[in-house]
């Protein structure tokens, strides 16, 4: 499923973000907000922000947002490390 979000022109102008940067910046802000609220996993949030996991981790650290690390993520990381 793809979701399209319409932002009223008056709000878009108020953001003071250059037009070419608006969509990626809003995706990043949404990803950070959803991740920090526990509504989106780290991997999916980095995917939404369209950045690598490393870059997303740096962004969270810069904003002093703690990393949520679940048992499921640990299992995924261990499986990856074991080549599974």
Protein backbone atom coordinates (compact mmCIF):
# COMPACT_ATOMS: atom_id res chain seq x y z
CA UNK A 1 0.00 0.00 0.00
CA UNK A 2 1.20 3.50 -0.79
CA UNK A 3 -0.05 6.48 1.18
CA UNK A 4 -0.02 9.98 -0.28
CA UNK A 5 -0.22 12.85 2.14
CA UNK A 6 -1.44 16.25 1.02
CA UNK A 7 0.04 19.25 2.79
CA UNK A 8 -1.87 22.50 2.40
CA UNK A 9 0.06 25.13 0.44
CA UNK A 10 -0.08 27.57 3.36
CA UNK A 11 1.69 25.04 5.60
CA UNK A 12 4.23 24.09 2.93
CA UNK A 13 5.17 27.77 2.54
CA UNK A 14 5.40 28.17 6.32
CA UNK A 15 7.95 25.36 6.58
CA UNK A 16 10.64 27.47 4.90
CA UNK A 17 12.17 24.40 3.31
CA UNK A 18 13.31 24.69 -0.33
CA UNK A 19 10.90 22.84 -2.64
CA UNK A 20 13.43 20.20 -3.80
CA UNK A 21 14.22 19.32 -0.15
CA UNK A 22 10.63 19.24 1.09
CA UNK A 23 9.60 15.63 0.35
CA UNK A 24 12.79 13.97 1.62
CA UNK A 25 12.92 16.22 4.68
CA UNK A 26 9.29 15.49 5.60
CA UNK A 27 9.88 11.74 5.11
CA UNK A 28 12.86 11.95 7.46
CA UNK A 29 10.93 13.95 10.06
CA UNK A 30 8.03 11.50 9.89
CA UNK A 31 10.40 8.53 10.22
CA UNK A 32 12.11 10.03 13.27
CA UNK A 33 8.80 10.92 14.92
CA UNK A 34 7.25 7.48 14.33
CA UNK A 35 10.40 5.70 15.51
CA UNK A 36 10.74 7.83 18.65
CA UNK A 37 7.12 7.05 19.55
CA UNK A 38 7.69 3.32 19.07
CA UNK A 39 5.29 3.16 16.12
CA UNK A 40 7.88 2.11 13.55
CA UNK A 41 10.87 -0.21 13.82
CA UNK A 42 14.39 1.09 13.31
CA UNK A 43 14.78 -0.68 9.96
CA UNK A 44 11.44 0.53 8.62
CA UNK A 45 12.09 4.06 9.88
CA UNK A 46 15.44 4.17 8.07
CA UNK A 47 13.66 2.82 4.98
CA UNK A 48 11.01 5.55 5.22
CA UNK A 49 13.71 8.19 5.63
CA UNK A 50 15.46 6.65 2.60
CA UNK A 51 18.82 6.53 4.35
CA UNK A 52 21.11 3.74 5.47
CA UNK A 53 20.67 2.27 8.93
CA UNK A 54 24.01 3.78 9.88
CA UNK A 55 22.92 7.26 8.76
CA UNK A 56 19.60 6.90 10.57
CA UNK A 57 21.41 5.85 13.76
CA UNK A 58 23.63 8.94 13.47
CA UNK A 59 20.56 11.14 13.01
CA UNK A 60 18.93 9.69 16.12
CA UNK A 61 22.12 10.14 18.12
CA UNK A 62 22.46 13.74 16.95
CA UNK A 63 18.90 14.42 18.16
CA UNK A 64 19.51 12.48 21.37
CA UNK A 65 16.72 10.02 20.61
CA UNK A 66 17.42 6.69 22.32
CA UNK A 67 17.66 3.60 20.17
CA UNK A 68 14.97 0.98 20.81
CA UNK A 69 16.51 -2.45 20.51
CA UNK A 70 13.99 -5.27 20.80
CA UNK A 71 14.56 -8.98 21.20
CA UNK A 72 13.27 -9.41 17.65
CA UNK A 73 15.92 -7.02 16.33
CA UNK A 74 18.57 -8.87 18.31
CA UNK A 75 17.42 -12.17 16.79
CA UNK A 76 17.55 -10.62 13.30
CA UNK A 77 21.04 -9.27 13.92
CA UNK A 78 22.26 -12.61 15.27
CA UNK A 79 20.75 -14.41 12.27
CA UNK A 80 22.48 -11.98 9.93
CA UNK A 81 25.80 -12.43 11.76
CA UNK A 82 25.43 -16.21 11.45
CA UNK A 83 24.69 -15.91 7.72
CA UNK A 84 21.07 -16.98 8.02
